[in-house]
C-alpha atoms as a PDB file:
ATOM      1  CA  MET A   1     -43.440  19.158 -73.861  1.00  0.00           C
ATOM      2  CA  ARG A   2     -42.948  22.673 -75.885  1.00  0.00           C
ATOM      3  CA  ASN A   3     -46.086  24.428 -74.716  1.00  0.00           C
ATOM      4  CA  LEU A   4     -44.811  23.488 -71.204  1.00  0.00           C
ATOM      5  CA  LEU A   5     -41.656  24.357 -71.958  1.00  0.00           C
ATOM      6  CA  ILE A   6     -42.770  27.907 -73.145  1.00  0.00           C
ATOM      7  CA  ILE A   7     -45.337  28.465 -69.932  1.00  0.00           C
ATOM      8  CA  LEU A   8     -42.381  28.410 -67.717  1.00  0.00           C
ATOM      9  CA  LEU A   9     -39.741  30.205 -69.617  1.00  0.00           C
ATOM     10  CA  PHE A  10     -42.813  33.306 -69.699  1.00  0.00           C
ATOM     11  CA  CYS A  11     -43.411  32.492 -65.707  1.00  0.00           C
ATOM     12  CA  CYS A  12     -39.169  32.727 -65.231  1.00  0.00           C
ATOM     13  CA  CYS A  13     -38.719  35.918 -66.771  1.00  0.00           C
ATOM     14  CA  SER A  14     -42.189  37.458 -64.990  1.00  0.00           C
ATOM     15  CA  CYS A  15     -40.524  36.734 -61.664  1.00  0.00           C
ATOM     16  CA  THR A  16     -37.029  38.470 -62.623  1.00  0.00           C
ATOM     17  CA  LYS A  17     -38.557  41.492 -64.397  1.00  0.00           C
ATOM     18  CA  GLU A  18     -37.837  44.432 -62.299  1.00  0.00           C
ATOM     19  CA  VAL A  19     -40.744  46.453 -60.532  1.00  0.00           C
ATOM     20  CA  TYR A  20     -39.949  50.438 -59.264  1.00  0.00           C
ATOM     21  CA  LEU A  21     -40.400  50.482 -55.756  1.00  0.00           C
ATOM     22  CA  PHE A  22     -40.728  54.333 -54.137  1.00  0.00           C
ATOM     23  CA  THR A  23     -40.018  54.602 -50.525  1.00  0.00           C
ATOM     24  CA  SER A  24     -42.893  56.717 -48.321  1.00  0.00           C
ATOM     25  CA  PHE A  25     -43.592  58.042 -45.602  1.00  0.00           C
ATOM     26  CA  HIS A  26     -47.294  59.767 -44.085  1.00  0.00           C
ATOM     27  CA  GLU A  27     -47.690  62.463 -41.606  1.00  0.00           C
ATOM     28  CA  PRO A  28     -47.063  62.711 -38.839  1.00  0.00           C
ATOM     29  CA  ALA A  29     -43.967  60.403 -39.722  1.00  0.00           C
ATOM     30  CA  ASN A  30     -44.621  58.342 -36.303  1.00  0.00           C
ATOM     31  CA  GLU A  31     -45.914  55.286 -38.109  1.00  0.00           C
ATOM     32  CA  GLY A  32     -43.163  54.098 -39.851  1.00  0.00           C
ATOM     33  CA  LEU A  33     -41.849  53.205 -43.345  1.00  0.00           C
ATOM     34  CA  ARG A  34     -44.125  52.498 -46.651  1.00  0.00           C
ATOM     35  CA  PHE A  35     -43.722  51.760 -49.766  1.00  0.00           C
ATOM     36  CA  LEU A  36     -45.121  52.565 -53.366  1.00  0.00           C
ATOM     37  CA  TYR A  37     -44.885  50.497 -56.502  1.00  0.00           C
ATOM     38  CA  SER A  38     -44.919  50.587 -59.885  1.00  0.00           C
ATOM     39  CA  THR A  39     -44.245  48.240 -63.406  1.00  0.00           C
ATOM     40  CA  ASP A  40     -44.094  51.107 -65.854  1.00  0.00           C
ATOM     41  CA  GLY A  41     -42.337  54.277 -63.338  1.00  0.00           C
ATOM     42  CA  TYR A  42     -45.576  56.474 -64.078  1.00  0.00           C
ATOM     43  CA  HIS A  43     -48.526  54.892 -61.977  1.00  0.00           C
ATOM     44  CA  TRP A  44     -47.968  53.709 -58.209  1.00  0.00           C
ATOM     45  CA  LYS A  45     -49.809  51.668 -55.915  1.00  0.00           C
ATOM     46  CA  ASP A  46     -49.944  52.232 -52.325  1.00  0.00           C
ATOM     47  CA  LEU A  47     -48.931  48.566 -50.672  1.00  0.00           C
ATOM     48  CA  GLY A  48     -51.445  49.744 -47.857  1.00  0.00           C
ATOM     49  CA  SER A  49     -49.166  49.035 -44.718  1.00  0.00           C
ATOM     50  CA  THR A  50     -45.985  50.220 -42.764  1.00  0.00           C
ATOM     51  CA  PHE A  51     -42.697  47.738 -42.849  1.00  0.00           C
ATOM     52  CA  LEU A  52     -40.579  49.515 -39.634  1.00  0.00           C
ATOM     53  CA  LYS A  53     -41.593  51.634 -37.086  1.00  0.00           C
ATOM     54  CA  PRO A  54     -39.029  54.881 -35.689  1.00  0.00           C
ATOM     55  CA  GLU A  55     -37.470  53.776 -32.571  1.00  0.00           C
ATOM     56  CA  ALA A  56     -34.160  55.485 -33.559  1.00  0.00           C
ATOM     57  CA  GLY A  57     -33.919  59.411 -32.183  1.00  0.00           C
ATOM     58  CA  ALA A  58     -35.143  61.814 -29.755  1.00  0.00           C
ATOM     59  CA  GLN A  59     -38.346  62.612 -32.099  1.00  0.00           C
ATOM     60  CA  LYS A  60     -38.526  58.569 -33.271  1.00  0.00           C
ATOM     61  CA  VAL A  61     -40.289  59.830 -36.046  1.00  0.00           C
ATOM     62  CA  MET A  62     -39.411  58.683 -40.186  1.00  0.00           C
ATOM     63  CA  ARG A  63     -39.207  61.121 -42.341  1.00  0.00           C
ATOM     64  CA  ASP A  64     -37.570  61.324 -46.133  1.00  0.00           C
ATOM     65  CA  PRO A  65     -36.733  57.423 -45.852  1.00  0.00           C
ATOM     66  CA  SER A  66     -34.031  56.952 -48.884  1.00  0.00           C
ATOM     67  CA  ILE A  67     -32.727  53.399 -49.945  1.00  0.00           C
ATOM     68  CA  ALA A  68     -29.831  51.965 -51.705  1.00  0.00           C
ATOM     69  CA  ARG A  69     -28.995  48.675 -52.643  1.00  0.00           C
ATOM     70  CA  GLY A  70     -25.504  47.160 -52.485  1.00  0.00           C
ATOM     71  CA  PRO A  71     -23.954  44.865 -54.785  1.00  0.00           C
ATOM     72  CA  ASP A  72     -24.299  41.911 -52.373  1.00  0.00           C
ATOM     73  CA  GLY A  73     -28.277  42.851 -52.839  1.00  0.00           C
ATOM     74  CA  VAL A  74     -28.450  44.151 -49.416  1.00  0.00           C
ATOM     75  CA  TYR A  75     -30.717  47.216 -48.968  1.00  0.00           C
ATOM     76  CA  HIS A  76     -29.544  50.262 -46.773  1.00  0.00           C
ATOM     77  CA  LEU A  77     -32.218  52.265 -45.066  1.00  0.00           C
ATOM     78  CA  VAL A  78     -31.379  56.259 -43.746  1.00  0.00           C
ATOM     79  CA  TRP A  79     -33.855  58.565 -42.529  1.00  0.00           C
ATOM     80  CA  THR A  80     -34.401  61.549 -40.611  1.00  0.00           C
ATOM     81  CA  SER A  81     -35.196  60.866 -37.183  1.00  0.00           C
ATOM     82  CA  SER A  82     -36.057  64.228 -35.655  1.00  0.00           C
ATOM     83  CA  TRP A  83     -37.154  67.810 -36.541  1.00  0.00           C
ATOM     84  CA  LYS A  84     -34.508  69.197 -34.383  1.00  0.00           C
ATOM     85  CA  GLY A  85     -31.758  68.129 -31.661  1.00  0.00           C
ATOM     86  CA  ASP A  86     -30.154  64.826 -33.119  1.00  0.00           C
ATOM     87  CA  LYS A  87     -27.034  65.044 -34.499  1.00  0.00           C
ATOM     88  CA  GLY A  88     -27.506  62.153 -36.896  1.00  0.00           C
ATOM     89  CA  PHE A  89     -30.100  59.946 -38.281  1.00  0.00           C
ATOM     90  CA  GLY A  90     -31.970  57.038 -38.204  1.00  0.00           C
ATOM     91  CA  TYR A  91     -29.943  53.838 -39.973  1.00  0.00           C
ATOM     92  CA  ALA A  92     -31.412  50.274 -40.419  1.00  0.00           C
ATOM     93  CA  PHE A  93     -30.437  47.214 -43.485  1.00  0.00           C
ATOM     94  CA  SER A  94     -32.679  44.257 -44.753  1.00  0.00           C
ATOM     95  CA  LYS A  95     -32.095  41.633 -47.512  1.00  0.00           C
ATOM     96  CA  ASP A  96     -36.123  41.338 -48.402  1.00  0.00           C
ATOM     97  CA  LEU A  97     -37.271  44.927 -47.083  1.00  0.00           C
ATOM     98  CA  VAL A  98     -39.486  43.290 -44.623  1.00  0.00           C
ATOM     99  CA  HIS A  99     -37.187  41.981 -41.957  1.00  0.00           C
ATOM    100  CA  TRP A 100     -34.659  44.341 -40.428  1.00  0.00           C
ATOM    101  CA  SER A 101     -31.455  44.908 -38.238  1.00  0.00           C
ATOM    102  CA  PRO A 102     -32.178  46.490 -35.361  1.00  0.00           C
ATOM    103  CA  GLN A 103     -32.399  50.443 -35.690  1.00  0.00           C
ATOM    104  CA  GLN A 104     -28.681  52.913 -35.210  1.00  0.00           C
ATOM    105  CA  MET A 105     -28.737  56.586 -34.888  1.00  0.00           C
ATOM    106  CA  ILE A 106     -25.261  57.387 -37.136  1.00  0.00           C
ATOM    107  CA  ASN A 107     -24.332  60.503 -35.097  1.00  0.00           C
ATOM    108  CA  VAL A 108     -22.380  62.203 -38.654  1.00  0.00           C
ATOM    109  CA  MET A 109     -22.587  65.352 -37.221  1.00  0.00           C
ATOM    110  CA  ALA A 110     -21.282  64.798 -33.509  1.00  0.00           C
ATOM    111  CA  HIS A 111     -18.264  67.064 -33.908  1.00  0.00           C
ATOM    112  CA  GLU A 112     -20.728  69.808 -34.226  1.00  0.00           C
ATOM    113  CA  PRO A 113     -21.992  71.152 -30.578  1.00  0.00           C
ATOM    114  CA  ASP A 114     -23.879  73.996 -32.553  1.00  0.00           C
ATOM    115  CA  VAL A 115     -25.566  72.261 -35.359  1.00  0.00           C
ATOM    116  CA  VAL A 116     -29.448  72.753 -35.322  1.00  0.00           C
ATOM    117  CA  ASN A 117     -30.911  69.613 -37.964  1.00  0.00           C
ATOM    118  CA  VAL A 118     -30.023  66.743 -39.844  1.00  0.00           C
ATOM    119  CA  TRP A 119     -32.383  66.684 -42.768  1.00  0.00           C
ATOM    120  CA  ALA A 120     -33.084  64.019 -45.622  1.00  0.00           C
ATOM    121  CA  PRO A 121     -30.245  62.049 -45.465  1.00  0.00           C
ATOM    122  CA  GLU A 122     -29.998  60.563 -49.204  1.00  0.00           C
ATOM    123  CA  ILE A 123     -28.435  57.405 -49.930  1.00  0.00           C
ATOM    124  CA  PHE A 124     -26.594  56.550 -53.221  1.00  0.00           C
ATOM    125  CA  TYR A 125     -24.332  53.523 -54.268  1.00  0.00           C
ATOM    126  CA  ASP A 126     -21.053  54.923 -55.553  1.00  0.00           C
ATOM    127  CA  GLU A 127     -20.085  51.688 -58.529  1.00  0.00           C
ATOM    128  CA  GLN A 128     -16.972  53.465 -59.514  1.00  0.00           C
ATOM    129  CA  GLY A 129     -15.568  53.401 -55.767  1.00  0.00           C
ATOM    130  CA  GLN A 130     -17.133  50.508 -54.218  1.00  0.00           C
ATOM    131  CA  GLN A 131     -18.930  52.824 -51.258  1.00  0.00           C
ATOM    132  CA  PHE A 132     -22.119  54.321 -49.985  1.00  0.00           C
ATOM    133  CA  ILE A 133     -22.422  58.228 -50.016  1.00  0.00           C
ATOM    134  CA  ILE A 134     -24.687  59.428 -47.492  1.00  0.00           C
ATOM    135  CA  ILE A 135     -26.001  63.465 -48.142  1.00  0.00           C
ATOM    136  CA  TRP A 136     -28.188  65.087 -45.725  1.00  0.00           C
ATOM    137  CA  ALA A 137     -28.607  69.364 -45.170  1.00  0.00           C
ATOM    138  CA  SER A 138     -27.464  70.636 -41.503  1.00  0.00           C
ATOM    139  CA  THR A 139     -27.904  73.891 -40.091  1.00  0.00           C
ATOM    140  CA  VAL A 140     -24.863  75.479 -37.895  1.00  0.00           C
ATOM    141  CA  PRO A 141     -25.482  78.654 -37.275  1.00  0.00           C
ATOM    142  CA  TYR A 142     -23.284  81.817 -37.985  1.00  0.00           C
ATOM    143  CA  ARG A 143     -21.230  79.260 -40.618  1.00  0.00           C
ATOM    144  CA  PHE A 144     -22.108  80.883 -43.331  1.00  0.00           C
ATOM    145  CA  PRO A 145     -23.428  83.926 -45.122  1.00  0.00           C
ATOM    146  CA  LYS A 146     -27.337  84.005 -44.217  1.00  0.00           C
ATOM    147  CA  GLY A 147     -28.806  86.268 -46.478  1.00  0.00           C
ATOM    148  CA  THR A 148     -32.488  86.468 -45.811  1.00  0.00           C
ATOM    149  CA  GLU A 149     -32.819  83.431 -44.069  1.00  0.00           C
ATOM    150  CA  GLU A 150     -32.598  82.729 -39.843  1.00  0.00           C
ATOM    151  CA  GLU A 151     -29.677  81.759 -38.444  1.00  0.00           C
ATOM    152  CA  ASN A 152     -31.775  78.659 -38.005  1.00  0.00           C
ATOM    153  CA  ASN A 153     -32.765  78.144 -41.239  1.00  0.00           C
ATOM    154  CA  ASN A 154     -29.326  78.413 -43.049  1.00  0.00           C
ATOM    155  CA  HIS A 155     -28.506  75.156 -44.552  1.00  0.00           C
ATOM    156  CA  ARG A 156     -25.997  73.508 -46.538  1.00  0.00           C
ATOM    157  CA  MET A 157     -25.420  69.992 -47.364  1.00  0.00           C
ATOM    158  CA  TYR A 158     -23.014  67.593 -46.028  1.00  0.00           C
ATOM    159  CA  TYR A 159     -21.649  63.989 -46.788  1.00  0.00           C
ATOM    160  CA  THR A 160     -20.235  60.732 -45.427  1.00  0.00           C
ATOM    161  CA  LEU A 161     -18.762  58.179 -47.299  1.00  0.00           C
ATOM    162  CA  THR A 162     -19.042  54.024 -45.547  1.00  0.00           C
ATOM    163  CA  LYS A 163     -18.118  50.616 -47.554  1.00  0.00           C
ATOM    164  CA  ASP A 164     -19.666  48.855 -44.230  1.00  0.00           C
ATOM    165  CA  PHE A 165     -21.541  50.961 -42.134  1.00  0.00           C
ATOM    166  CA  VAL A 166     -19.498  50.483 -39.459  1.00  0.00           C
ATOM    167  CA  ASN A 167     -16.711  52.768 -40.591  1.00  0.00           C
ATOM    168  CA  PHE A 168     -17.901  56.434 -41.726  1.00  0.00           C
ATOM    169  CA  SER A 169     -15.391  59.287 -43.129  1.00  0.00           C
ATOM    170  CA  GLU A 170     -15.772  62.540 -41.365  1.00  0.00           C
ATOM    171  CA  ALA A 171     -18.433  64.502 -42.436  1.00  0.00           C
ATOM    172  CA  LYS A 172     -17.207  67.195 -44.815  1.00  0.00           C
ATOM    173  CA  LEU A 173     -19.163  69.896 -46.359  1.00  0.00           C
ATOM    174  CA  PHE A 174     -20.730  68.785 -49.683  1.00  0.00           C
ATOM    175  CA  LEU A 175     -22.629  71.794 -51.408  1.00  0.00           C
ATOM    176  CA  ASP A 176     -22.661  75.424 -50.396  1.00  0.00           C
ATOM    177  CA  PRO A 177     -24.185  77.319 -53.245  1.00  0.00           C
ATOM    178  CA  GLY A 178     -24.299  80.472 -51.618  1.00  0.00           C
ATOM    179  CA  PHE A 179     -27.956  80.344 -50.671  1.00  0.00           C
ATOM    180  CA  SER A 180     -29.995  77.611 -48.010  1.00  0.00           C
ATOM    181  CA  VAL A 181     -30.041  74.722 -49.456  1.00  0.00           C
ATOM    182  CA  ILE A 182     -32.038  71.572 -48.376  1.00  0.00           C
ATOM    183  CA  ASP A 183     -33.605  68.134 -49.983  1.00  0.00           C
ATOM    184  CA  ALA A 184     -30.331  67.195 -52.700  1.00  0.00           C
ATOM    185  CA  VAL A 185     -30.673  64.037 -54.792  1.00  0.00           C
ATOM    186  CA  ILE A 186     -27.807  62.449 -56.690  1.00  0.00           C
ATOM    187  CA  ALA A 187     -28.277  60.958 -60.493  1.00  0.00           C
ATOM    188  CA  ARG A 188     -25.673  59.364 -61.977  1.00  0.00           C
ATOM    189  CA  ARG A 189     -25.405  59.853 -65.939  1.00  0.00           C
ATOM    190  CA  ARG A 190     -22.872  56.921 -67.434  1.00  0.00           C
ATOM    191  CA  SER A 191     -21.648  59.176 -70.161  1.00  0.00           C
ATOM    192  CA  ASP A 192     -21.898  62.421 -68.647  1.00  0.00           C
ATOM    193  CA  GLY A 193     -20.830  62.637 -64.783  1.00  0.00           C
ATOM    194  CA  TYR A 194     -23.234  63.511 -61.598  1.00  0.00           C
ATOM    195  CA  VAL A 195     -26.083  65.431 -61.545  1.00  0.00           C
ATOM    196  CA  LEU A 196     -27.551  67.346 -58.658  1.00  0.00           C
ATOM    197  CA  VAL A 197     -30.914  68.089 -58.328  1.00  0.00           C
ATOM    198  CA  LEU A 198     -31.782  70.414 -55.170  1.00  0.00           C
ATOM    199  CA  LYS A 199     -34.231  72.639 -53.740  1.00  0.00           C
ATOM    200  CA  ASP A 200     -33.462  76.412 -53.191  1.00  0.00           C
ATOM    201  CA  ASN A 201     -35.026  76.833 -49.467  1.00  0.00           C
ATOM    202  CA  THR A 202     -34.303  80.478 -49.107  1.00  0.00           C
ATOM    203  CA  ARG A 203     -38.193  82.230 -48.292  1.00  0.00           C
ATOM    204  CA  ALA A 204     -38.187  83.809 -51.940  1.00  0.00           C
ATOM    205  CA  ASN A 205     -37.748  80.777 -53.671  1.00  0.00           C
ATOM    206  CA  ARG A 206     -38.477  77.244 -52.495  1.00  0.00           C
ATOM    207  CA  ASN A 207     -37.894  75.689 -55.643  1.00  0.00           C
ATOM    208  CA  LEU A 208     -36.289  72.941 -57.556  1.00  0.00           C
ATOM    209  CA  LYS A 209     -32.619  73.829 -59.203  1.00  0.00           C
ATOM    210  CA  VAL A 210     -30.054  70.995 -60.788  1.00  0.00           C
ATOM    211  CA  ALA A 211     -26.343  71.373 -60.515  1.00  0.00           C
ATOM    212  CA  PHE A 212     -23.240  69.146 -62.430  1.00  0.00           C
ATOM    213  CA  SER A 213     -20.098  67.921 -61.381  1.00  0.00           C
ATOM    214  CA  PRO A 214     -17.619  65.229 -63.246  1.00  0.00           C
ATOM    215  CA  GLU A 215     -17.049  63.640 -59.583  1.00  0.00           C
ATOM    216  CA  LEU A 216     -19.505  62.081 -56.665  1.00  0.00           C
ATOM    217  CA  THR A 217     -18.230  64.516 -54.040  1.00  0.00           C
ATOM    218  CA  GLY A 218     -17.930  67.615 -56.202  1.00  0.00           C
ATOM    219  CA  PRO A 219     -17.077  70.468 -56.512  1.00  0.00           C
ATOM    220  CA  TYR A 220     -21.093  71.072 -58.048  1.00  0.00           C
ATOM    221  CA  THR A 221     -21.655  73.937 -60.024  1.00  0.00           C
ATOM    222  CA  ASN A 222     -23.130  75.321 -63.069  1.00  0.00           C
ATOM    223  CA  ILE A 223     -26.806  75.586 -60.609  1.00  0.00           C
ATOM    224  CA  SER A 224     -29.125  76.396 -62.707  1.00  0.00           C
ATOM    225  CA  ALA A 225     -32.779  78.323 -62.885  1.00  0.00           C
ATOM    226  CA  PRO A 226     -35.542  76.891 -61.035  1.00  0.00           C
ATOM    227  CA  PHE A 227     -37.552  74.451 -63.668  1.00  0.00           C
ATOM    228  CA  SER A 228     -40.148  73.847 -60.729  1.00  0.00           C
ATOM    229  CA  GLY A 229     -42.639  76.536 -59.352  1.00  0.00           C
ATOM    230  CA  LYS A 230     -42.322  78.041 -55.484  1.00  0.00           C
ATOM    231  CA  LEU A 231     -42.992  75.732 -52.505  1.00  0.00           C
ATOM    232  CA  THR A 232     -41.810  72.564 -54.291  1.00  0.00           C
ATOM    233  CA  GLU A 233     -39.846  70.251 -52.060  1.00  0.00           C
ATOM    234  CA  GLY A 234     -38.300  66.177 -51.869  1.00  0.00           C
ATOM    235  CA  PRO A 235     -36.973  65.543 -55.429  1.00  0.00           C
ATOM    236  CA  SER A 236     -37.005  61.744 -56.095  1.00  0.00           C
ATOM    237  CA  VAL A 237     -34.914  61.174 -59.778  1.00  0.00           C
ATOM    238  CA  VAL A 238     -35.713  57.754 -61.273  1.00  0.00           C
ATOM    239  CA  GLN A 239     -34.300  56.975 -65.155  1.00  0.00           C
ATOM    240  CA  VAL A 240     -36.695  55.031 -67.404  1.00  0.00           C
ATOM    241  CA  GLY A 241     -36.025  54.245 -70.256  1.00  0.00           C
ATOM    242  CA  GLN A 242     -34.169  56.962 -72.048  1.00  0.00           C
ATOM    243  CA  ASP A 243     -36.367  59.611 -70.202  1.00  0.00           C
ATOM    244  CA  TRP A 244     -35.555  60.890 -66.192  1.00  0.00           C
ATOM    245  CA  LEU A 245     -38.354  61.753 -63.723  1.00  0.00           C
ATOM    246  CA  ILE A 246     -38.305  63.728 -61.792  1.00  0.00           C
ATOM    247  CA  TYR A 247     -40.872  63.586 -58.690  1.00  0.00           C
ATOM    248  CA  TYR A 248     -41.373  66.256 -56.279  1.00  0.00           C
ATOM    249  CA  ASP A 249     -43.948  67.403 -53.734  1.00  0.00           C
ATOM    250  CA  ALA A 250     -45.936  70.549 -54.760  1.00  0.00           C
ATOM    251  CA  TYR A 251     -46.814  71.293 -51.117  1.00  0.00           C
ATOM    252  CA  GLY A 252     -47.961  74.864 -52.297  1.00  0.00           C
ATOM    253  CA  GLU A 253     -50.567  73.349 -54.388  1.00  0.00           C
ATOM    254  CA  LYS A 254     -51.370  70.218 -52.179  1.00  0.00           C
ATOM    255  CA  ARG A 255     -50.022  67.775 -54.534  1.00  0.00           C
ATOM    256  CA  TYR A 256     -47.788  65.135 -56.076  1.00  0.00           C
ATOM    257  CA  ALA A 257     -46.096  66.399 -59.258  1.00  0.00           C
ATOM    258  CA  ALA A 258     -43.226  65.371 -61.725  1.00  0.00           C
ATOM    259  CA  TYR A 259     -41.186  66.664 -64.553  1.00  0.00           C
ATOM    260  CA  ARG A 260     -39.687  64.656 -67.365  1.00  0.00           C
ATOM    261  CA  THR A 261     -35.838  65.270 -68.861  1.00  0.00           C
ATOM    262  CA  ARG A 262     -32.792  63.445 -70.991  1.00  0.00           C
ATOM    263  CA  ASP A 263     -30.504  66.089 -70.803  1.00  0.00           C
ATOM    264  CA  PHE A 264     -31.406  68.335 -66.983  1.00  0.00           C
ATOM    265  CA  LYS A 265     -31.906  71.227 -69.197  1.00  0.00           C
ATOM    266  CA  SER A 266     -35.136  71.151 -70.649  1.00  0.00           C
ATOM    267  CA  PHE A 267     -38.248  69.408 -68.430  1.00  0.00           C
ATOM    268  CA  THR A 268     -41.438  68.885 -69.290  1.00  0.00           C
ATOM    269  CA  ASP A 269     -44.353  68.754 -66.930  1.00  0.00           C
ATOM    270  CA  ILE A 270     -45.650  65.387 -67.175  1.00  0.00           C
ATOM    271  CA  SER A 271     -47.840  65.847 -64.041  1.00  0.00           C
ATOM    272  CA  ALA A 272     -50.827  64.637 -65.821  1.00  0.00           C
ATOM    273  CA  GLU A 273     -49.768  61.271 -66.820  1.00  0.00           C
ATOM    274  CA  ILE A 274     -48.650  59.952 -63.142  1.00  0.00           C
ATOM    275  CA  ASP A 275     -50.876  58.129 -60.463  1.00  0.00           C
ATOM    276  CA  ILE A 276     -49.274  59.259 -57.094  1.00  0.00           C
ATOM    277  CA  PRO A 277     -51.591  57.541 -54.227  1.00  0.00           C
ATOM    278  CA  ALA A 278     -52.857  60.436 -51.788  1.00  0.00           C
ATOM    279  CA  GLY A 279     -50.719  61.082 -48.503  1.00  0.00           C
ATOM    280  CA  HIS A 280     -47.289  60.391 -50.017  1.00  0.00           C
ATOM    281  CA  LYS A 281     -44.363  61.925 -48.870  1.00  0.00           C
ATOM    282  CA  HIS A 282     -41.176  61.758 -50.679  1.00  0.00           C
ATOM    283  CA  GLY A 283     -38.488  59.685 -50.352  1.00  0.00           C
ATOM    284  CA  THR A 284     -36.286  57.260 -53.350  1.00  0.00           C
ATOM    285  CA  VAL A 285     -37.183  55.404 -56.209  1.00  0.00           C
ATOM    286  CA  PHE A 286     -35.574  52.280 -57.134  1.00  0.00           C
ATOM    287  CA  LYS A 287     -35.369  49.015 -58.925  1.00  0.00           C
ATOM    288  CA  SER A 288     -36.063  45.569 -57.051  1.00  0.00           C
ATOM    289  CA  SER A 289     -37.029  42.102 -57.632  1.00  0.00           C
ATOM    290  CA  ARG A 290     -40.895  40.806 -58.222  1.00  0.00           C
ATOM    291  CA  ARG A 291     -39.790  38.680 -55.500  1.00  0.00           C
ATOM    292  CA  ILE A 292     -39.484  41.273 -52.949  1.00  0.00           C
ATOM    293  CA  LEU A 293     -41.989  42.906 -54.160  1.00  0.00           C
ATOM    294  CA  LYS A 294     -44.395  39.492 -54.059  1.00  0.00           C
ATOM    295  CA  GLY A 295     -42.715  39.159 -50.102  1.00  0.00           C
ATOM    296  CA  LEU A 296     -43.681  43.265 -49.249  1.00  0.00           C
ATOM    297  CA  GLN A 297     -47.636  42.483 -50.412  1.00  0.00           C
ATOM    298  CA  GLN A 298     -47.254  39.111 -48.632  1.00  0.00           C
ATOM    299  CA  GLN A 299     -46.387  40.878 -45.174  1.00  0.00           C
ATOM    300  CA  ALA A 300     -48.832  43.587 -45.907  1.00  0.00           C
ATOM    301  CA  ASN A 301     -52.117  41.368 -46.461  1.00  0.00           C
ATOM    302  CA  GLN A 302     -50.990  40.044 -43.025  1.00  0.00           C
ATOM    303  CA  LYS A 303     -51.013  42.924 -41.389  1.00  0.00           C
ATOM    304  CA  LEU A 304     -54.441  43.787 -42.759  1.00  0.00           C
ATOM    305  CA  HIS A 305     -56.044  40.222 -42.417  1.00  0.00           C
ATOM    306  CA  PRO A 306     -54.359  39.052 -39.249  1.00  0.00           C
ATOM    307  CA  ALA A 307     -57.032  36.805 -38.577  1.00  0.00           C
ATOM    308  CA  ASN A 308     -56.522  35.233 -42.016  1.00  0.00           C
ATOM    309  CA  GLU A 309     -53.213  33.533 -40.299  1.00  0.00           C
ATOM    310  CA  ARG A 310     -54.936  32.164 -37.500  1.00  0.00           C
ATOM    311  CA  GLN A 311     -57.270  29.659 -39.496  1.00  0.00           C
END
């Protein structure tokens, strides 16, 4: 009887232990949502299937998929639906990451008739405010000094807040660092406010920096010198133990890479320590249960081996 209890306890702990999931897409971004998974945050495997085919937006693509889970356990997904022309981003929700709600367009920039694009929405759950914040990059020509950028490529970051994904606050400026900025992602340090990892998208730089704020919506200041090389983008941030890992697309070198930090001031290149499947493009990293992962694996297996379902 004692041995049986030990086995049951071990099985229970194994089932409840969290795993890491990484939203993903493959170019040309028309197939849909993909996932990587990991048990340690360093070594990743591709589930080898898509789970949501894009139907929203003018171009009906799914780029930069970003997920956050609410306190009720529901996962909320946002994504870039078109390179240009859309005034918002795609949205859907799910309880298990397999079965999804109908897709919607959240037209957060409908009030800007000249907006060029809505890129790389990132969703983050604000525990203190019990709400979600979604940030994204948009270009509104002639709105800001353009420096060396073309007017149609001079991005700033905007945000909206929501509690229910029915009502959204009016879009407001989130970050104007004085240069074109895209691909920003929020991380919260429990005792020391918020960190924003961002891409300086000016032609001369195109690298990653960090900024800091005591408040979720900013202002984010003390923008750092670049910590990555040139032609890097799409940062994804996850805490593993006491460390923060920053995954990013080193597209100039045609590889995925990562840094490790504890203070967002000093960074160690750990690209040799990670394993990222070929073809992966950037999304967000989040924790989930083994039960959720098992459901994804079963769905992927059914798609890969449909004949098994008929036997």
